[in-house]
N, C-alpha and C. Protein backbone atom coordinates (compact mmCIF):
# COMPACT_ATOMS: atom_id res chain seq x y z
N MET A 1 51.28 3.72 3.93
CA MET A 1 50.15 4.63 4.16
C MET A 1 48.99 4.31 3.21
N LYS A 2 49.35 4.02 1.92
CA LYS A 2 48.31 3.69 0.95
C LYS A 2 47.58 2.42 1.35
N ASN A 3 48.34 1.43 1.86
CA ASN A 3 47.70 0.18 2.28
C ASN A 3 46.73 0.43 3.43
N ARG A 4 47.12 1.33 4.33
CA ARG A 4 46.25 1.62 5.48
C ARG A 4 44.96 2.28 5.01
N ARG A 5 45.08 3.19 4.04
CA ARG A 5 43.89 3.85 3.51
C ARG A 5 43.00 2.86 2.78
N ALA A 6 43.62 1.98 2.01
CA ALA A 6 42.84 0.98 1.27
C ALA A 6 42.11 0.06 2.21
N SER A 7 42.77 -0.36 3.29
CA SER A 7 42.11 -1.26 4.25
C SER A 7 40.99 -0.54 4.98
N SER A 8 41.18 0.77 5.25
CA SER A 8 40.11 1.55 5.90
C SER A 8 38.90 1.65 4.98
N PHE A 9 39.15 1.83 3.68
CA PHE A 9 38.06 1.93 2.72
C PHE A 9 37.31 0.61 2.60
N VAL A 10 38.03 -0.50 2.57
CA VAL A 10 37.39 -1.82 2.51
C VAL A 10 36.56 -2.06 3.76
N TYR A 11 37.09 -1.68 4.92
CA TYR A 11 36.34 -1.83 6.17
C TYR A 11 35.05 -1.04 6.14
N LEU A 12 35.14 0.20 5.60
CA LEU A 12 33.95 1.05 5.51
C LEU A 12 32.89 0.42 4.61
N LEU A 13 33.31 -0.11 3.45
CA LEU A 13 32.37 -0.75 2.54
C LEU A 13 31.69 -1.94 3.19
N ALA A 14 32.46 -2.75 3.93
CA ALA A 14 31.89 -3.90 4.61
C ALA A 14 30.87 -3.47 5.66
N LEU A 15 31.20 -2.41 6.39
CA LEU A 15 30.29 -1.89 7.42
C LEU A 15 28.99 -1.40 6.80
N LEU A 16 29.10 -0.67 5.68
CA LEU A 16 27.90 -0.17 5.01
C LEU A 16 27.05 -1.30 4.46
N SER A 17 27.69 -2.33 3.97
CA SER A 17 26.95 -3.48 3.45
C SER A 17 26.14 -4.15 4.55
N LEU A 18 26.75 -4.30 5.73
CA LEU A 18 26.04 -4.90 6.85
C LEU A 18 24.88 -4.03 7.29
N MET A 19 25.10 -2.72 7.33
CA MET A 19 24.05 -1.81 7.78
C MET A 19 22.89 -1.78 6.81
N SER A 20 23.15 -2.01 5.53
CA SER A 20 22.10 -1.90 4.53
C SER A 20 21.02 -2.94 4.70
N HIS A 21 21.34 -4.07 5.34
CA HIS A 21 20.34 -5.13 5.51
C HIS A 21 19.16 -4.66 6.34
N GLY A 22 19.36 -3.72 7.24
CA GLY A 22 18.26 -3.22 8.07
C GLY A 22 17.50 -2.08 7.45
N ALA A 23 17.90 -1.64 6.25
CA ALA A 23 17.31 -0.42 5.69
C ALA A 23 16.04 -0.67 4.93
N HIS A 24 15.84 -1.87 4.39
CA HIS A 24 14.76 -2.08 3.44
C HIS A 24 13.38 -2.03 4.07
N ALA A 25 13.23 -2.48 5.30
CA ALA A 25 11.90 -2.59 5.90
C ALA A 25 11.50 -1.33 6.67
N GLN A 26 12.35 -0.30 6.65
CA GLN A 26 12.07 0.87 7.46
C GLN A 26 11.14 1.82 6.72
N GLY A 27 10.34 2.54 7.48
CA GLY A 27 9.44 3.51 6.90
C GLY A 27 8.43 3.94 7.93
N THR A 28 7.78 5.06 7.66
CA THR A 28 6.79 5.62 8.57
C THR A 28 5.40 5.44 7.98
N PHE A 29 4.48 4.88 8.76
CA PHE A 29 3.10 4.72 8.32
C PHE A 29 2.38 6.06 8.46
N VAL A 30 1.83 6.54 7.34
CA VAL A 30 1.03 7.76 7.34
C VAL A 30 -0.41 7.34 7.07
N TYR A 31 -1.29 7.57 8.05
CA TYR A 31 -2.68 7.13 7.93
C TYR A 31 -3.50 8.16 7.18
N ASP A 32 -4.31 7.67 6.27
CA ASP A 32 -5.22 8.53 5.51
C ASP A 32 -6.64 8.34 6.03
N GLN A 33 -7.24 7.18 5.74
CA GLN A 33 -8.61 6.90 6.17
C GLN A 33 -8.58 5.80 7.25
N GLU A 34 -9.52 5.87 8.18
CA GLU A 34 -9.58 4.87 9.25
C GLU A 34 -10.96 4.91 9.89
N SER A 35 -11.41 3.73 10.29
CA SER A 35 -12.70 3.67 11.00
C SER A 35 -12.49 3.78 12.50
N SER A 36 -11.25 3.57 12.95
CA SER A 36 -10.93 3.69 14.37
C SER A 36 -9.42 3.89 14.51
N THR A 37 -9.04 4.70 15.50
CA THR A 37 -7.63 4.87 15.84
C THR A 37 -7.25 4.05 17.07
N ASP A 38 -8.22 3.32 17.61
CA ASP A 38 -8.01 2.57 18.85
C ASP A 38 -7.33 1.24 18.54
N GLU A 39 -6.01 1.19 18.73
CA GLU A 39 -5.26 -0.04 18.46
C GLU A 39 -5.57 -1.12 19.48
N ASN A 40 -6.20 -0.77 20.60
CA ASN A 40 -6.56 -1.75 21.62
C ASN A 40 -8.01 -2.22 21.49
N TYR A 41 -8.66 -1.84 20.41
CA TYR A 41 -10.04 -2.26 20.20
C TYR A 41 -10.10 -3.79 20.18
N PRO A 42 -11.04 -4.38 20.91
CA PRO A 42 -11.06 -5.85 20.99
C PRO A 42 -11.43 -6.51 19.67
N PHE A 43 -10.86 -7.69 19.46
CA PHE A 43 -11.20 -8.46 18.26
C PHE A 43 -12.62 -8.98 18.35
N VAL A 44 -13.41 -8.70 17.32
CA VAL A 44 -14.78 -9.22 17.20
C VAL A 44 -14.88 -9.80 15.80
N GLY A 45 -14.90 -11.11 15.68
CA GLY A 45 -14.72 -11.74 14.39
C GLY A 45 -15.96 -11.81 13.53
N SER A 46 -15.91 -11.16 12.37
CA SER A 46 -16.91 -11.35 11.33
C SER A 46 -16.35 -12.40 10.37
N ARG A 47 -16.99 -13.54 10.26
CA ARG A 47 -16.41 -14.72 9.60
C ARG A 47 -16.20 -14.47 8.11
N ILE A 48 -14.92 -14.45 7.72
CA ILE A 48 -14.57 -14.17 6.33
C ILE A 48 -15.06 -15.28 5.41
N GLN A 49 -14.80 -16.54 5.78
CA GLN A 49 -15.18 -17.64 4.91
C GLN A 49 -16.70 -17.80 4.80
N PHE A 50 -17.43 -17.39 5.83
CA PHE A 50 -18.89 -17.47 5.78
C PHE A 50 -19.43 -16.62 4.64
N TYR A 51 -18.86 -15.41 4.49
CA TYR A 51 -19.28 -14.51 3.42
C TYR A 51 -18.55 -14.79 2.11
N GLY A 52 -17.48 -15.55 2.17
CA GLY A 52 -16.60 -15.72 1.02
C GLY A 52 -15.48 -14.70 1.06
N THR A 53 -15.81 -13.50 1.45
CA THR A 53 -14.85 -12.42 1.68
C THR A 53 -15.58 -11.34 2.47
N VAL A 54 -14.83 -10.54 3.20
CA VAL A 54 -15.42 -9.34 3.80
C VAL A 54 -14.60 -8.15 3.32
N GLY A 55 -15.25 -6.99 3.25
CA GLY A 55 -14.55 -5.83 2.73
C GLY A 55 -15.12 -4.54 3.24
N GLN A 56 -14.61 -3.45 2.68
CA GLN A 56 -14.98 -2.11 3.13
C GLN A 56 -14.79 -1.15 1.97
N SER A 57 -15.76 -0.26 1.79
CA SER A 57 -15.54 0.85 0.86
C SER A 57 -14.92 2.01 1.65
N PHE A 58 -14.14 2.83 0.97
CA PHE A 58 -13.51 3.97 1.63
C PHE A 58 -13.23 5.04 0.59
N THR A 59 -12.99 6.26 1.08
CA THR A 59 -12.79 7.41 0.21
C THR A 59 -11.46 8.06 0.55
N PRO A 60 -10.40 7.75 -0.17
CA PRO A 60 -9.09 8.29 0.17
C PRO A 60 -8.99 9.78 -0.10
N SER A 61 -8.15 10.46 0.67
CA SER A 61 -7.85 11.87 0.38
C SER A 61 -6.45 12.01 -0.21
N LEU A 62 -5.63 10.96 -0.08
CA LEU A 62 -4.30 10.96 -0.69
C LEU A 62 -4.38 10.37 -2.10
N THR A 63 -3.27 10.39 -2.80
CA THR A 63 -3.24 9.92 -4.19
C THR A 63 -2.73 8.49 -4.31
N ALA A 64 -2.52 7.82 -3.19
CA ALA A 64 -2.01 6.45 -3.26
C ALA A 64 -2.39 5.69 -1.99
N VAL A 65 -2.41 4.37 -2.12
CA VAL A 65 -2.62 3.47 -0.98
C VAL A 65 -1.43 2.52 -0.94
N GLY A 66 -0.74 2.50 0.20
CA GLY A 66 0.43 1.64 0.34
C GLY A 66 0.22 0.47 1.26
N PHE A 67 -0.77 0.59 2.16
CA PHE A 67 -1.03 -0.49 3.12
C PHE A 67 -2.46 -0.42 3.61
N VAL A 68 -2.93 -1.53 4.14
CA VAL A 68 -4.20 -1.59 4.86
C VAL A 68 -3.92 -2.34 6.16
N ARG A 69 -4.32 -1.78 7.28
CA ARG A 69 -4.21 -2.45 8.58
C ARG A 69 -5.59 -2.90 9.02
N LEU A 70 -5.71 -4.17 9.40
CA LEU A 70 -6.98 -4.74 9.85
C LEU A 70 -6.78 -5.44 11.18
N LYS A 71 -7.86 -5.53 11.94
CA LYS A 71 -7.86 -6.39 13.14
C LYS A 71 -8.50 -7.70 12.75
N VAL A 72 -7.70 -8.74 12.74
CA VAL A 72 -8.17 -10.05 12.31
C VAL A 72 -7.83 -11.09 13.38
N GLY A 73 -8.44 -12.27 13.26
CA GLY A 73 -8.15 -13.28 14.26
C GLY A 73 -8.67 -14.66 13.92
N ASP A 74 -8.08 -15.62 14.59
CA ASP A 74 -8.43 -17.03 14.45
C ASP A 74 -9.75 -17.28 15.18
N LEU A 75 -10.68 -17.95 14.50
CA LEU A 75 -11.97 -18.26 15.12
C LEU A 75 -12.02 -19.69 15.67
N THR A 76 -11.00 -20.48 15.39
CA THR A 76 -10.91 -21.84 15.93
C THR A 76 -9.55 -21.98 16.59
N LEU A 77 -9.51 -21.75 17.88
CA LEU A 77 -8.23 -21.67 18.59
C LEU A 77 -7.70 -23.05 18.95
N GLY A 78 -6.37 -23.13 18.99
CA GLY A 78 -5.71 -24.29 19.57
C GLY A 78 -5.65 -25.52 18.71
N ASN A 79 -5.88 -25.39 17.40
CA ASN A 79 -5.82 -26.58 16.54
C ASN A 79 -4.54 -26.62 15.70
N SER A 80 -3.59 -25.73 16.05
CA SER A 80 -2.28 -25.65 15.38
C SER A 80 -2.39 -25.27 13.91
N LEU A 81 -3.51 -24.65 13.54
CA LEU A 81 -3.72 -24.26 12.15
C LEU A 81 -3.93 -22.76 12.08
N GLY A 82 -2.99 -22.08 11.42
CA GLY A 82 -3.12 -20.65 11.19
C GLY A 82 -3.81 -20.37 9.87
N ALA A 83 -3.52 -19.23 9.28
CA ALA A 83 -4.13 -18.89 7.99
C ALA A 83 -3.24 -17.90 7.25
N THR A 84 -3.42 -17.86 5.94
CA THR A 84 -2.73 -16.89 5.10
C THR A 84 -3.76 -15.97 4.48
N LEU A 85 -3.62 -14.68 4.72
CA LEU A 85 -4.58 -13.69 4.26
C LEU A 85 -3.92 -12.70 3.32
N LEU A 86 -4.72 -12.09 2.47
CA LEU A 86 -4.28 -10.99 1.62
C LEU A 86 -5.43 -10.03 1.43
N VAL A 87 -5.12 -8.87 0.90
CA VAL A 87 -6.14 -7.84 0.65
C VAL A 87 -6.05 -7.40 -0.81
N ASN A 88 -7.21 -7.36 -1.47
CA ASN A 88 -7.32 -6.80 -2.81
C ASN A 88 -7.86 -5.39 -2.74
N LEU A 89 -7.27 -4.48 -3.48
CA LEU A 89 -7.81 -3.13 -3.64
C LEU A 89 -8.56 -3.08 -4.96
N ARG A 90 -9.84 -2.69 -4.90
CA ARG A 90 -10.69 -2.72 -6.09
C ARG A 90 -11.29 -1.33 -6.36
N SER A 91 -11.66 -1.12 -7.60
CA SER A 91 -12.36 0.11 -7.97
C SER A 91 -13.78 -0.23 -8.42
N ASN A 92 -14.64 0.77 -8.37
CA ASN A 92 -16.02 0.71 -8.88
C ASN A 92 -16.99 -0.09 -8.01
N ALA A 93 -16.56 -1.24 -7.46
CA ALA A 93 -17.46 -2.08 -6.66
C ALA A 93 -16.61 -3.06 -5.85
N ILE A 94 -17.25 -3.71 -4.88
CA ILE A 94 -16.54 -4.68 -4.05
C ILE A 94 -16.03 -5.86 -4.88
N ASN A 95 -16.64 -6.10 -6.03
CA ASN A 95 -16.16 -7.14 -6.95
C ASN A 95 -15.67 -6.52 -8.26
N GLY A 96 -15.29 -5.22 -8.20
CA GLY A 96 -14.82 -4.52 -9.39
C GLY A 96 -13.39 -4.88 -9.74
N PRO A 97 -12.83 -4.19 -10.72
CA PRO A 97 -11.46 -4.48 -11.16
C PRO A 97 -10.46 -4.37 -10.02
N ILE A 98 -9.52 -5.33 -9.96
CA ILE A 98 -8.48 -5.32 -8.93
C ILE A 98 -7.36 -4.38 -9.37
N LEU A 99 -7.09 -3.37 -8.55
CA LEU A 99 -6.01 -2.43 -8.83
C LEU A 99 -4.69 -2.92 -8.28
N GLY A 100 -4.75 -3.71 -7.23
CA GLY A 100 -3.53 -4.23 -6.62
C GLY A 100 -3.85 -5.24 -5.54
N THR A 101 -2.89 -6.10 -5.24
CA THR A 101 -3.04 -7.13 -4.21
C THR A 101 -1.83 -7.07 -3.29
N THR A 102 -2.07 -7.14 -2.01
CA THR A 102 -0.97 -7.10 -1.05
C THR A 102 -0.22 -8.42 -1.04
N ALA A 103 0.97 -8.38 -0.46
CA ALA A 103 1.69 -9.62 -0.21
C ALA A 103 0.89 -10.44 0.80
N PRO A 104 0.85 -11.77 0.66
CA PRO A 104 0.14 -12.60 1.64
C PRO A 104 0.78 -12.47 3.03
N VAL A 105 -0.05 -12.49 4.05
CA VAL A 105 0.41 -12.43 5.43
C VAL A 105 0.07 -13.75 6.11
N VAL A 106 1.09 -14.41 6.64
CA VAL A 106 0.90 -15.69 7.32
C VAL A 106 0.72 -15.42 8.80
N LEU A 107 -0.41 -15.87 9.36
CA LEU A 107 -0.74 -15.65 10.76
C LEU A 107 -0.85 -16.99 11.47
N SER A 108 -0.36 -17.03 12.69
CA SER A 108 -0.27 -18.29 13.42
C SER A 108 -1.58 -18.65 14.10
N ASP A 109 -1.67 -19.89 14.52
CA ASP A 109 -2.83 -20.37 15.27
C ASP A 109 -3.07 -19.47 16.49
N SER A 110 -4.33 -19.13 16.72
CA SER A 110 -4.78 -18.32 17.87
C SER A 110 -4.42 -16.85 17.78
N PHE A 111 -3.89 -16.39 16.64
CA PHE A 111 -3.58 -14.97 16.48
C PHE A 111 -4.86 -14.15 16.51
N ARG A 112 -4.80 -13.05 17.26
CA ARG A 112 -5.88 -12.06 17.27
C ARG A 112 -5.27 -10.69 17.50
N GLY A 113 -5.37 -9.83 16.51
CA GLY A 113 -4.77 -8.51 16.65
C GLY A 113 -4.68 -7.79 15.32
N SER A 114 -3.86 -6.74 15.29
CA SER A 114 -3.68 -5.93 14.09
C SER A 114 -2.67 -6.60 13.17
N ALA A 115 -2.98 -6.60 11.89
CA ALA A 115 -2.07 -7.12 10.87
C ALA A 115 -1.97 -6.09 9.75
N ASP A 116 -0.74 -5.87 9.29
CA ASP A 116 -0.50 -4.92 8.21
C ASP A 116 -0.37 -5.66 6.88
N PHE A 117 -1.15 -5.23 5.91
CA PHE A 117 -1.14 -5.81 4.57
C PHE A 117 -0.51 -4.77 3.64
N LEU A 118 0.64 -5.12 3.07
CA LEU A 118 1.46 -4.15 2.34
C LEU A 118 1.43 -4.43 0.83
N PHE A 119 1.24 -3.39 0.05
CA PHE A 119 1.37 -3.49 -1.39
C PHE A 119 2.85 -3.36 -1.76
N ALA A 120 3.27 -4.09 -2.79
CA ALA A 120 4.68 -4.05 -3.18
C ALA A 120 5.11 -2.64 -3.54
N SER A 121 4.24 -1.89 -4.17
CA SER A 121 4.43 -0.46 -4.40
C SER A 121 3.07 0.20 -4.25
N ALA A 122 3.08 1.46 -3.86
CA ALA A 122 1.83 2.17 -3.58
C ALA A 122 0.94 2.18 -4.83
N ILE A 123 -0.36 1.96 -4.60
CA ILE A 123 -1.34 1.93 -5.69
C ILE A 123 -1.92 3.33 -5.87
N SER A 124 -1.84 3.86 -7.07
CA SER A 124 -2.38 5.19 -7.35
C SER A 124 -3.90 5.19 -7.29
N VAL A 125 -4.46 6.19 -6.62
CA VAL A 125 -5.91 6.35 -6.53
C VAL A 125 -6.25 7.82 -6.74
N ILE A 126 -7.52 8.08 -6.99
CA ILE A 126 -8.01 9.45 -7.18
C ILE A 126 -8.63 9.93 -5.87
N PRO A 127 -8.11 11.01 -5.29
CA PRO A 127 -8.69 11.51 -4.04
C PRO A 127 -10.19 11.77 -4.16
N ASN A 128 -10.91 11.42 -3.10
CA ASN A 128 -12.35 11.65 -2.97
C ASN A 128 -13.20 10.75 -3.86
N ALA A 129 -12.58 9.79 -4.53
CA ALA A 129 -13.35 8.75 -5.24
C ALA A 129 -13.50 7.55 -4.30
N THR A 130 -14.47 6.71 -4.57
CA THR A 130 -14.73 5.55 -3.71
C THR A 130 -13.97 4.33 -4.21
N TYR A 131 -13.28 3.67 -3.28
CA TYR A 131 -12.56 2.43 -3.58
C TYR A 131 -12.99 1.37 -2.57
N PHE A 132 -12.56 0.16 -2.81
CA PHE A 132 -12.99 -0.97 -1.99
C PHE A 132 -11.79 -1.87 -1.72
N PHE A 133 -11.69 -2.35 -0.48
CA PHE A 133 -10.71 -3.41 -0.24
C PHE A 133 -11.45 -4.63 0.29
N GLU A 134 -11.01 -5.78 -0.17
CA GLU A 134 -11.60 -7.04 0.29
C GLU A 134 -10.52 -7.89 0.94
N THR A 135 -10.92 -8.54 2.02
CA THR A 135 -10.02 -9.42 2.76
C THR A 135 -10.28 -10.85 2.33
N VAL A 136 -9.23 -11.54 1.93
CA VAL A 136 -9.36 -12.89 1.39
C VAL A 136 -8.51 -13.84 2.22
N VAL A 137 -9.10 -14.95 2.65
CA VAL A 137 -8.32 -16.02 3.29
C VAL A 137 -7.83 -16.92 2.17
N GLN A 138 -6.54 -16.85 1.90
CA GLN A 138 -5.96 -17.63 0.81
C GLN A 138 -5.93 -19.11 1.15
N SER A 139 -5.63 -19.41 2.41
CA SER A 139 -5.61 -20.80 2.87
C SER A 139 -5.63 -20.80 4.39
N GLY A 140 -6.04 -21.94 4.96
CA GLY A 140 -5.94 -22.11 6.41
C GLY A 140 -7.26 -22.15 7.13
N ASP A 141 -7.21 -21.75 8.38
CA ASP A 141 -8.28 -21.93 9.34
C ASP A 141 -9.43 -20.95 9.12
N ASN A 142 -10.50 -21.17 9.89
CA ASN A 142 -11.65 -20.26 9.90
C ASN A 142 -11.22 -18.95 10.54
N TRP A 143 -11.30 -17.86 9.80
CA TRP A 143 -10.73 -16.59 10.24
C TRP A 143 -11.77 -15.49 10.23
N GLY A 144 -11.54 -14.47 11.06
CA GLY A 144 -12.48 -13.37 11.15
C GLY A 144 -11.79 -12.03 11.06
N ALA A 145 -12.55 -11.00 10.68
CA ALA A 145 -12.09 -9.62 10.68
C ALA A 145 -13.03 -8.81 11.57
N THR A 146 -12.47 -7.86 12.30
CA THR A 146 -13.27 -7.13 13.29
C THR A 146 -14.22 -6.14 12.63
N GLU A 147 -15.48 -6.29 12.95
CA GLU A 147 -16.54 -5.40 12.48
C GLU A 147 -16.93 -4.50 13.64
N ILE A 148 -17.07 -3.21 13.37
CA ILE A 148 -17.46 -2.26 14.41
C ILE A 148 -18.72 -1.53 13.96
N GLY A 149 -19.19 -0.59 14.77
CA GLY A 149 -20.38 0.18 14.40
C GLY A 149 -20.10 1.12 13.24
N ASP A 150 -21.07 1.91 12.91
CA ASP A 150 -20.97 2.82 11.77
C ASP A 150 -20.14 4.04 12.17
N ASN A 151 -18.81 3.83 12.25
CA ASN A 151 -17.90 4.87 12.71
C ASN A 151 -17.34 5.72 11.58
N TYR A 152 -17.40 5.22 10.36
CA TYR A 152 -16.67 5.84 9.27
C TYR A 152 -17.64 6.37 8.21
N PRO A 153 -17.70 7.69 8.01
CA PRO A 153 -18.69 8.25 7.08
C PRO A 153 -18.33 8.07 5.61
N GLY A 154 -17.09 7.67 5.31
CA GLY A 154 -16.65 7.60 3.92
C GLY A 154 -16.83 6.25 3.26
N GLY A 155 -17.52 5.31 3.92
CA GLY A 155 -17.71 3.99 3.33
C GLY A 155 -18.49 3.08 4.25
N ILE A 156 -18.68 1.82 3.82
CA ILE A 156 -19.47 0.86 4.60
C ILE A 156 -18.85 -0.54 4.50
N PHE A 157 -19.31 -1.39 5.38
CA PHE A 157 -18.87 -2.78 5.45
C PHE A 157 -19.59 -3.62 4.38
N TYR A 158 -18.85 -4.58 3.84
CA TYR A 158 -19.44 -5.55 2.89
C TYR A 158 -19.19 -6.96 3.39
N GLY A 159 -20.28 -7.75 3.42
CA GLY A 159 -20.15 -9.17 3.66
C GLY A 159 -20.45 -9.87 2.35
N GLY A 160 -19.41 -10.42 1.71
CA GLY A 160 -19.60 -10.88 0.34
C GLY A 160 -19.90 -9.68 -0.54
N LEU A 161 -20.98 -9.74 -1.32
CA LEU A 161 -21.37 -8.62 -2.16
C LEU A 161 -22.43 -7.75 -1.50
N GLN A 162 -22.80 -8.10 -0.28
CA GLN A 162 -23.90 -7.43 0.41
C GLN A 162 -23.39 -6.25 1.24
N PRO A 163 -23.87 -5.02 0.99
CA PRO A 163 -23.46 -3.88 1.82
C PRO A 163 -24.25 -3.84 3.13
N PHE A 164 -23.59 -3.44 4.20
CA PHE A 164 -24.22 -3.27 5.51
C PHE A 164 -23.92 -1.84 5.97
N SER A 165 -24.86 -0.95 5.75
CA SER A 165 -24.61 0.47 5.98
C SER A 165 -24.46 0.83 7.45
N ALA A 166 -24.87 -0.05 8.35
CA ALA A 166 -24.79 0.25 9.79
C ALA A 166 -23.49 -0.25 10.41
N ALA A 167 -22.54 -0.67 9.59
CA ALA A 167 -21.30 -1.24 10.14
C ALA A 167 -20.10 -0.85 9.28
N ASP A 168 -18.92 -0.97 9.89
CA ASP A 168 -17.65 -0.80 9.19
C ASP A 168 -16.70 -1.88 9.69
N LEU A 169 -15.72 -2.21 8.86
CA LEU A 169 -14.59 -2.98 9.36
C LEU A 169 -13.70 -2.07 10.18
N TRP A 170 -13.01 -2.64 11.19
CA TRP A 170 -11.93 -1.89 11.83
C TRP A 170 -10.79 -1.86 10.82
N PHE A 171 -10.45 -0.66 10.37
CA PHE A 171 -9.37 -0.55 9.39
C PHE A 171 -8.66 0.78 9.51
N ARG A 172 -7.42 0.77 9.05
CA ARG A 172 -6.64 1.98 8.84
C ARG A 172 -5.88 1.79 7.53
N GLU A 173 -5.83 2.82 6.71
CA GLU A 173 -5.09 2.69 5.45
C GLU A 173 -4.34 3.98 5.18
N GLY A 174 -3.31 3.85 4.35
CA GLY A 174 -2.52 5.02 4.02
C GLY A 174 -1.30 4.66 3.21
N ILE A 175 -0.23 5.43 3.40
CA ILE A 175 1.00 5.23 2.65
C ILE A 175 2.16 5.00 3.61
N ILE A 176 3.24 4.48 3.08
CA ILE A 176 4.46 4.28 3.85
C ILE A 176 5.52 5.22 3.29
N VAL A 177 6.03 6.13 4.13
CA VAL A 177 7.06 7.07 3.72
C VAL A 177 8.42 6.49 4.09
N PRO A 178 9.28 6.21 3.11
CA PRO A 178 10.58 5.61 3.43
C PRO A 178 11.42 6.54 4.29
N GLU A 179 12.16 5.96 5.23
CA GLU A 179 13.11 6.73 6.01
C GLU A 179 14.40 6.89 5.21
N PRO A 180 15.22 7.88 5.56
CA PRO A 180 16.49 8.04 4.85
C PRO A 180 17.31 6.76 4.89
N SER A 181 17.96 6.45 3.79
CA SER A 181 18.74 5.22 3.69
C SER A 181 19.83 5.18 4.74
N VAL A 182 19.98 4.04 5.39
CA VAL A 182 21.05 3.84 6.36
C VAL A 182 22.40 4.02 5.69
N ILE A 183 22.51 3.56 4.45
CA ILE A 183 23.78 3.68 3.73
C ILE A 183 24.12 5.15 3.53
N LEU A 184 23.12 5.95 3.11
CA LEU A 184 23.37 7.37 2.89
C LEU A 184 23.79 8.06 4.17
N LEU A 185 23.09 7.77 5.28
CA LEU A 185 23.44 8.38 6.56
C LEU A 185 24.84 7.98 6.99
N ALA A 186 25.19 6.71 6.76
CA ALA A 186 26.52 6.23 7.15
C ALA A 186 27.61 6.92 6.34
N ILE A 187 27.36 7.12 5.04
CA ILE A 187 28.35 7.80 4.20
C ILE A 187 28.55 9.24 4.65
N ILE A 188 27.44 9.92 4.93
CA ILE A 188 27.52 11.30 5.39
C ILE A 188 28.34 11.39 6.68
N GLY A 189 28.11 10.42 7.58
CA GLY A 189 28.86 10.42 8.83
C GLY A 189 30.31 10.00 8.66
N ALA A 190 30.59 9.16 7.66
CA ALA A 190 31.94 8.62 7.50
C ALA A 190 32.88 9.58 6.79
N VAL A 191 32.33 10.47 5.92
CA VAL A 191 33.19 11.37 5.15
C VAL A 191 34.06 12.26 6.04
N PRO A 192 33.51 12.92 7.08
CA PRO A 192 34.39 13.72 7.94
C PRO A 192 35.45 12.88 8.65
N LEU A 193 35.08 11.67 9.07
CA LEU A 193 36.05 10.81 9.75
C LEU A 193 37.21 10.45 8.84
N LEU A 194 36.91 10.10 7.58
CA LEU A 194 37.97 9.78 6.63
C LEU A 194 38.83 10.99 6.32
N TRP A 195 38.18 12.17 6.25
CA TRP A 195 38.93 13.38 5.96
C TRP A 195 39.91 13.70 7.08
N PHE A 196 39.42 13.63 8.35
CA PHE A 196 40.31 13.89 9.49
C PHE A 196 41.41 12.84 9.58
N SER A 197 41.07 11.58 9.27
CA SER A 197 42.06 10.52 9.31
C SER A 197 43.16 10.77 8.28
N ARG A 198 42.75 11.22 7.09
CA ARG A 198 43.72 11.48 6.03
C ARG A 198 44.61 12.67 6.41
N LYS A 199 44.00 13.71 7.01
CA LYS A 199 44.77 14.90 7.42
C LYS A 199 45.82 14.51 8.44
N ARG A 200 45.45 13.61 9.39
CA ARG A 200 46.41 13.22 10.42
C ARG A 200 47.56 12.42 9.82
N GLN A 201 47.23 11.55 8.85
CA GLN A 201 48.26 10.73 8.23
C GLN A 201 49.21 11.58 7.40
N ASP A 202 48.66 12.65 6.78
CA ASP A 202 49.53 13.53 5.99
C ASP A 202 50.42 14.38 6.90
């Protein structure tokens, strides 16, 4: 009987270990500031390399920034050359101190659409203060970010260091709320099963 219980426990540990691999990337995107909620908005490329960088000022209402979503795309299609992009979060100015940098995102040739730029951990910010994010092409092809009309009252578009008050980048930013751990949920579900199994064996 003890051997059977021990083997059941080992099986449970193995199962939880396998399930844990899917737990790390899970989470819910909570949007704070955005210039558009239209995920089907067409890509209109404002050339990042032409300006050196393109960016946007924004005024968060939350106390942290965990991600920035942008509509970006390849401006030279079909040459088998993608690009690697990242986003810097800055304070005070578009070229002000860097508070955090997202993990680089590798995009394939001819990509055009929404891309999520994630900070390793949420960056603390002061609600209702002005911050800036800049989009940087780390390497690769000629790339663009979607510029739209003046949709967002809390900030403006920047091409290089130049502000353009009549435009905004298409962007959404906010935090990522982790979902309950798969391991924790599995343990909660497994405890009654083990208890009933033990009662039957006794």
